[in-house]
N, C-alpha and C. Protein backbone atom coordinates (compact mmCIF):
# COMPACT_ATOMS: atom_id res chain seq x y z
N MET A 1 -51.48 178.19 -6.20
CA MET A 1 -50.86 178.22 -6.62
C MET A 1 -49.67 177.00 -6.50
N ASN A 2 -50.25 176.37 -4.96
CA ASN A 2 -49.41 174.96 -4.83
C ASN A 2 -49.53 173.95 -5.36
N PRO A 3 -50.47 173.87 -6.18
CA PRO A 3 -50.60 172.74 -7.19
C PRO A 3 -50.10 172.86 -8.96
N ILE A 4 -49.67 173.94 -9.21
CA ILE A 4 -48.67 174.23 -10.21
C ILE A 4 -47.61 174.42 -9.53
N ASN A 5 -46.93 174.78 -8.77
CA ASN A 5 -45.46 174.78 -8.27
C ASN A 5 -45.06 173.53 -7.74
N ASN A 6 -46.08 172.63 -7.51
CA ASN A 6 -45.79 171.16 -7.13
C ASN A 6 -45.29 170.60 -8.38
N LEU A 7 -46.13 170.38 -9.33
CA LEU A 7 -46.04 170.07 -10.90
C LEU A 7 -44.60 170.46 -11.46
N ILE A 8 -44.50 171.90 -11.25
CA ILE A 8 -43.56 172.29 -12.19
C ILE A 8 -41.82 172.14 -11.11
N ALA A 9 -42.06 172.60 -10.07
CA ALA A 9 -40.81 172.18 -9.56
C ALA A 9 -40.56 171.32 -8.27
N ARG A 10 -41.91 170.73 -7.92
CA ARG A 10 -41.50 169.78 -7.00
C ARG A 10 -41.39 170.50 -5.98
N CYS A 11 -42.23 171.07 -5.47
CA CYS A 11 -42.09 171.88 -4.30
C CYS A 11 -43.41 171.91 -3.61
N ASP A 12 -43.85 171.55 -2.11
CA ASP A 12 -44.71 171.92 -1.41
C ASP A 12 -44.83 173.12 -1.07
N CYS A 13 -45.68 173.97 -1.23
CA CYS A 13 -45.54 175.51 -0.75
C CYS A 13 -46.38 175.21 0.80
N ASN A 14 -47.14 174.20 0.96
CA ASN A 14 -48.14 174.34 2.04
C ASN A 14 -47.23 173.61 3.01
N ARG A 15 -45.91 172.93 2.88
CA ARG A 15 -45.23 172.37 4.05
C ARG A 15 -45.07 173.09 5.19
N PRO A 16 -45.03 172.11 6.43
CA PRO A 16 -44.93 173.06 7.43
C PRO A 16 -43.39 173.23 7.92
N THR A 17 -42.60 174.18 7.46
CA THR A 17 -41.30 173.71 7.09
C THR A 17 -40.72 173.42 8.47
N VAL A 18 -40.91 174.20 9.73
CA VAL A 18 -40.27 174.36 11.20
C VAL A 18 -40.73 172.45 11.57
N ALA A 19 -41.92 172.37 11.60
CA ALA A 19 -42.52 170.79 12.27
C ALA A 19 -41.74 169.87 11.23
N SER A 20 -41.61 170.23 9.69
CA SER A 20 -40.81 169.07 8.96
C SER A 20 -39.07 168.90 9.21
N ILE A 21 -38.78 170.02 9.93
CA ILE A 21 -37.40 169.87 10.59
C ILE A 21 -36.81 169.17 11.76
N ARG A 22 -37.91 169.56 12.34
CA ARG A 22 -38.10 169.05 13.83
C ARG A 22 -38.01 167.36 13.74
N GLY A 23 -39.56 167.33 12.77
CA GLY A 23 -39.75 165.43 12.28
C GLY A 23 -38.46 164.98 11.59
N ALA A 24 -37.29 165.56 11.08
CA ALA A 24 -36.18 165.06 10.93
C ALA A 24 -35.32 164.77 12.02
N GLY A 25 -35.79 165.01 12.83
CA GLY A 25 -35.15 164.62 13.91
C GLY A 25 -33.64 165.83 14.25
N PHE A 26 -34.04 167.21 13.84
CA PHE A 26 -33.29 168.50 14.11
C PHE A 26 -33.60 169.19 15.02
N THR A 27 -33.34 169.93 16.01
CA THR A 27 -33.54 170.92 17.13
C THR A 27 -33.40 172.43 16.42
N VAL A 28 -34.72 172.99 16.46
CA VAL A 28 -34.06 174.29 15.98
C VAL A 28 -33.69 174.86 17.12
N LYS A 29 -33.09 175.29 16.91
CA LYS A 29 -32.01 177.02 18.45
C LYS A 29 -32.44 177.79 17.95
N GLU A 30 -32.21 178.39 16.84
CA GLU A 30 -33.24 179.70 16.35
C GLU A 30 -33.86 179.76 15.77
N LEU A 31 -35.28 180.63 15.09
CA LEU A 31 -36.29 180.83 14.51
C LEU A 31 -36.79 182.11 14.20
N ASP A 32 -36.73 182.77 13.11
CA ASP A 32 -37.35 183.95 12.87
C ASP A 32 -38.09 184.17 11.74
N HIS A 33 -39.55 184.21 11.56
CA HIS A 33 -40.11 184.08 10.93
C HIS A 33 -40.30 185.82 10.27
N GLY A 34 -39.81 186.16 8.80
CA GLY A 34 -40.23 187.05 7.99
C GLY A 34 -40.87 187.07 6.91
N GLU A 35 -41.03 188.34 6.64
CA GLU A 35 -41.85 188.49 5.35
C GLU A 35 -41.23 189.24 4.48
N PHE A 36 -41.39 188.67 3.19
CA PHE A 36 -40.75 189.63 1.89
C PHE A 36 -42.01 190.27 1.43
N PRO A 37 -42.19 191.75 1.74
CA PRO A 37 -43.41 192.43 1.34
C PRO A 37 -43.58 192.56 -0.44
N LYS A 38 -42.74 192.82 -0.98
CA LYS A 38 -43.22 192.71 -2.45
C LYS A 38 -42.97 191.45 -2.99
N ALA A 39 -43.37 190.71 -2.22
CA ALA A 39 -43.24 189.09 -3.01
C ALA A 39 -44.56 188.51 -3.45
N PRO A 40 -45.06 187.86 -4.27
CA PRO A 40 -45.98 186.77 -4.04
C PRO A 40 -46.73 186.63 -2.95
N LYS A 41 -47.88 186.33 -2.58
CA LYS A 41 -48.04 186.10 -1.37
C LYS A 41 -47.77 184.64 -1.14
N TRP A 42 -48.04 183.62 -1.80
CA TRP A 42 -47.07 182.27 -2.08
C TRP A 42 -46.05 182.08 -0.99
N VAL A 43 -44.81 183.49 -1.27
CA VAL A 43 -43.64 183.08 -1.24
C VAL A 43 -42.92 184.36 0.27
N ARG A 44 -44.33 184.43 0.29
CA ARG A 44 -43.96 186.07 1.58
C ARG A 44 -43.39 185.42 3.34
N PRO A 45 -43.76 184.62 3.63
CA PRO A 45 -43.81 183.95 4.82
C PRO A 45 -42.31 183.46 4.59
N PRO A 46 -40.93 183.77 4.82
CA PRO A 46 -39.56 182.98 4.87
C PRO A 46 -39.26 182.32 6.33
N VAL A 47 -38.90 181.49 6.31
CA VAL A 47 -38.57 180.75 8.29
C VAL A 47 -36.87 180.88 7.69
N VAL A 48 -36.20 181.49 8.59
CA VAL A 48 -34.93 181.56 8.70
C VAL A 48 -34.09 181.29 10.03
N GLY A 49 -33.09 180.66 10.46
CA GLY A 49 -32.70 180.35 11.55
C GLY A 49 -31.64 178.90 11.39
N THR A 50 -31.58 178.34 12.65
CA THR A 50 -30.37 177.34 12.70
C THR A 50 -31.29 176.34 13.56
N ALA A 51 -30.34 174.99 12.72
CA ALA A 51 -31.14 173.83 13.44
C ALA A 51 -29.55 172.64 13.89
N GLN A 52 -29.85 171.85 14.81
CA GLN A 52 -28.74 170.96 15.10
C GLN A 52 -28.96 169.72 15.53
N VAL A 53 -28.69 168.46 14.92
CA VAL A 53 -28.71 167.23 14.88
C VAL A 53 -28.58 166.87 16.38
C-alpha cells in the first residue's frame, strides 16, 4: 500500500516515526505503541506520545 499512499497522499507509511522525530532534534518524553485492531494492517501501529525541543 505504501507506493499507492505515497502517490495519492504524499505520505510514507514505512517511515520510522520515532526515529524521524528524534532526528529532527526532539527529545521523546512519553511513548506508547498501540494498535487499531479493526483498521487495515498498514494503519494499525499508531505511536502516541509527547516530544520536547
